[in-house]
Amino acid sequence: MTRQEPRHPPLIYRPDLQPRRQRLVFSALTAAAWGIWLYLFLPLFSVLAWWFGGDLFARHILGPEDRGHLLTLLGYAGVVVIAAVVIVTWSWYNLKRYGGMDRRKPIVQVTDEDLCARFQVDGAMLASLRTGRRLELDLDEHGHIITARDQSSVDGSASRFAAASVRRT
């Protein structure tokens, strides 16, 4: 069976290779085209608004006799706009300051030798500690394991690991 190469689109879209001015012009043309397209559907939007009670909204909220509801609605819209400006500004700042940089470092794998050296145990005791499900450890003042008890036995008795495997340096 032969492997087929992926098909490339007939148009290669690489805006990073375009000058900034050309990208702005193309974006403005795209926005204008979307606006014209939506304008063509304005009668449909009007019918849908009338069908779902948009005329009642206009009569009761936008009516000339009481502007209190309209002012409240404009206040809410202002809060939404201010929140959007703050979020967009903050994300723009973070993109400019941290964009493209990944400062996270991978976690260093801890080897069995590192564990044995840190807790002052030998490999056999480390292997037996890994088999336990619920352990109770007694540590000295330096954080080295003195004794380890397995608390997960069925009969309730705590089986004791060999404390003789603890080594001191």
Protein backbone atom coordinates (compact mmCIF):
# COMPACT_ATOMS: atom_id res chain seq x y z
CA MET A 1 0.00 0.00 0.00
CA THR A 2 1.45 3.35 -0.99
CA ARG A 3 1.41 6.34 1.26
CA GLN A 4 -0.33 9.39 -0.15
CA GLU A 5 1.02 12.84 0.47
CA PRO A 6 -1.39 15.26 2.15
CA ARG A 7 -3.20 17.61 -0.20
CA HIS A 8 -2.35 21.25 0.18
CA PRO A 9 -5.07 23.83 -0.30
CA PRO A 10 -4.84 25.81 -3.54
CA LEU A 11 -4.47 29.03 -1.53
CA ILE A 12 -1.72 29.36 1.05
CA TYR A 13 -2.85 31.66 3.84
CA ARG A 14 0.15 33.15 5.64
CA PRO A 15 -0.83 36.47 7.21
CA ASP A 16 2.49 36.64 9.06
CA LEU A 17 4.17 37.25 5.70
CA GLN A 18 1.86 40.17 4.83
CA PRO A 19 2.63 43.74 5.86
CA ARG A 20 0.56 45.05 8.76
CA ARG A 21 -1.20 47.64 6.61
CA GLN A 22 -2.33 44.99 4.12
CA ARG A 23 -3.69 42.80 6.92
CA LEU A 24 -5.65 45.77 8.33
CA VAL A 25 -7.12 46.54 4.90
CA PHE A 26 -8.14 42.91 4.38
CA SER A 27 -9.65 42.76 7.87
CA ALA A 28 -11.65 45.95 7.25
CA LEU A 29 -12.89 44.59 3.91
CA THR A 30 -13.92 41.34 5.58
CA ALA A 31 -15.79 43.19 8.34
CA ALA A 32 -17.56 45.37 5.74
CA ALA A 33 -18.56 42.30 3.71
CA TRP A 34 -20.00 40.63 6.84
CA GLY A 35 -21.91 43.82 7.65
CA ILE A 36 -23.41 43.96 4.16
CA TRP A 37 -24.33 40.28 4.35
CA LEU A 38 -26.05 40.77 7.73
CA TYR A 39 -27.82 43.87 6.38
CA LEU A 40 -29.42 41.70 3.72
CA PHE A 41 -30.99 39.61 6.50
CA LEU A 42 -32.32 42.64 8.41
CA PRO A 43 -35.93 42.08 7.25
CA LEU A 44 -35.74 38.49 8.54
CA PHE A 45 -34.41 39.74 11.88
CA SER A 46 -37.26 42.27 12.04
CA VAL A 47 -39.88 39.57 11.44
CA LEU A 48 -38.30 37.32 14.08
CA ALA A 49 -38.16 40.19 16.58
CA TRP A 50 -41.82 41.01 15.92
CA TRP A 51 -42.74 37.34 16.24
CA PHE A 52 -40.95 36.96 19.62
CA GLY A 53 -42.21 40.25 21.08
CA GLY A 54 -39.52 42.71 20.09
CA ASP A 55 -42.18 45.37 19.57
CA LEU A 56 -43.16 44.99 23.23
CA PHE A 57 -39.52 45.56 24.20
CA ALA A 58 -39.46 48.73 22.14
CA ARG A 59 -42.81 49.91 23.52
CA HIS A 60 -42.04 49.34 27.22
CA ILE A 61 -38.28 49.86 27.48
CA LEU A 62 -37.58 52.40 24.76
CA GLY A 63 -40.92 54.25 25.12
CA PRO A 64 -40.84 58.02 25.62
CA GLU A 65 -42.83 58.10 28.88
CA ASP A 66 -40.34 56.36 31.21
CA ARG A 67 -36.59 56.41 30.60
CA GLY A 68 -35.66 54.69 33.87
CA HIS A 69 -35.61 51.19 32.37
CA LEU A 70 -33.54 52.36 29.43
CA LEU A 71 -31.02 54.05 31.71
CA THR A 72 -30.74 50.88 33.80
CA LEU A 73 -30.22 48.82 30.63
CA LEU A 74 -27.57 51.26 29.40
CA GLY A 75 -25.85 51.07 32.80
CA TYR A 76 -25.67 47.30 32.55
CA ALA A 77 -24.34 47.57 29.00
CA GLY A 78 -21.70 50.02 30.22
CA VAL A 79 -20.55 47.61 32.93
CA VAL A 80 -20.31 44.81 30.36
CA VAL A 81 -18.28 47.02 28.00
CA ILE A 82 -15.92 48.12 30.79
CA ALA A 83 -15.40 44.49 31.89
CA ALA A 84 -14.73 43.46 28.29
CA VAL A 85 -12.19 46.28 27.85
CA VAL A 86 -10.41 45.30 31.07
CA ILE A 87 -10.26 41.60 30.07
CA VAL A 88 -9.08 42.33 26.52
CA THR A 89 -6.47 44.79 27.77
CA TRP A 90 -5.21 42.33 30.37
CA SER A 91 -4.99 39.48 27.85
CA TRP A 92 -3.19 41.76 25.37
CA TYR A 93 -0.70 42.75 28.09
CA ASN A 94 -0.10 39.10 29.01
CA LEU A 95 0.34 38.17 25.35
CA LYS A 96 2.91 40.94 24.85
CA ARG A 97 4.76 40.17 28.06
CA TYR A 98 4.66 36.37 28.13
CA GLY A 99 3.61 35.42 24.60
CA GLY A 100 5.69 32.70 23.01
CA MET A 101 7.68 31.98 26.16
CA ASP A 102 7.18 28.75 28.01
CA ARG A 103 9.14 29.08 31.24
CA ARG A 104 7.84 25.88 32.77
CA LYS A 105 10.49 23.27 33.37
CA PRO A 106 9.87 19.54 33.16
CA ILE A 107 9.74 17.67 36.45
CA VAL A 108 12.94 15.81 37.20
CA GLN A 109 12.32 12.10 37.60
CA VAL A 110 13.23 10.76 41.03
CA THR A 111 15.17 7.52 40.82
CA ASP A 112 15.17 4.70 43.33
CA GLU A 113 18.72 5.61 44.28
CA ASP A 114 17.62 9.18 45.07
CA LEU A 115 14.79 7.90 47.29
CA CYS A 116 17.08 5.46 49.08
CA ALA A 117 19.64 8.20 49.71
CA ARG A 118 17.04 10.73 50.89
CA PHE A 119 15.28 8.44 53.37
CA GLN A 120 18.37 6.37 54.27
CA VAL A 121 16.84 2.99 53.32
CA ASP A 122 18.07 0.18 51.12
CA GLY A 123 16.47 -1.08 47.91
CA ALA A 124 14.71 -4.04 49.55
CA MET A 125 12.94 -1.82 52.07
CA LEU A 126 11.97 0.65 49.34
CA ALA A 127 10.43 -2.21 47.35
CA SER A 128 8.51 -3.43 50.41
CA LEU A 129 7.30 0.13 51.12
CA ARG A 130 5.91 0.36 47.61
CA THR A 131 3.80 -2.76 48.14
CA GLY A 132 2.01 -1.25 51.15
CA ARG A 133 -1.28 0.56 50.61
CA ARG A 134 -1.60 2.43 53.90
CA LEU A 135 1.68 3.01 55.72
CA GLU A 136 2.56 4.61 59.01
CA LEU A 137 6.14 5.88 59.03
CA ASP A 138 8.25 6.83 62.02
CA LEU A 139 10.89 9.40 61.10
CA ASP A 140 13.87 10.69 63.00
CA GLU A 141 14.73 14.38 63.40
CA HIS A 142 16.44 14.41 59.97
CA GLY A 143 13.45 12.94 58.13
CA HIS A 144 14.92 9.45 57.74
CA ILE A 145 12.64 6.43 58.09
CA ILE A 146 13.10 4.52 61.37
CA THR A 147 10.16 2.11 61.16
CA ALA A 148 7.28 1.57 58.78
CA ARG A 149 4.00 -0.15 59.60
CA ASP A 150 1.44 -1.33 57.05
CA GLN A 151 -2.02 -0.33 58.31
CA SER A 152 -3.96 -1.93 55.46
CA SER A 153 -4.04 -5.52 56.68
CA VAL A 154 -7.48 -7.15 56.84
CA ASP A 155 -7.38 -8.43 60.42
CA GLY A 156 -6.47 -5.01 61.83
CA SER A 157 -3.01 -6.02 63.02
CA ALA A 158 -0.20 -3.83 61.78
CA SER A 159 2.53 -5.78 60.06
CA ARG A 160 5.95 -4.29 60.71
CA PHE A 161 8.56 -3.86 58.03
CA ALA A 162 12.07 -4.81 58.91
CA ALA A 163 13.59 -1.87 60.74
CA ALA A 164 16.97 -3.55 60.46
CA SER A 165 17.17 -2.51 56.81
CA VAL A 166 17.54 1.14 57.85
CA ARG A 167 21.09 2.28 57.40
CA ARG A 168 22.79 5.26 58.97
CA THR A 169 25.55 7.36 57.52
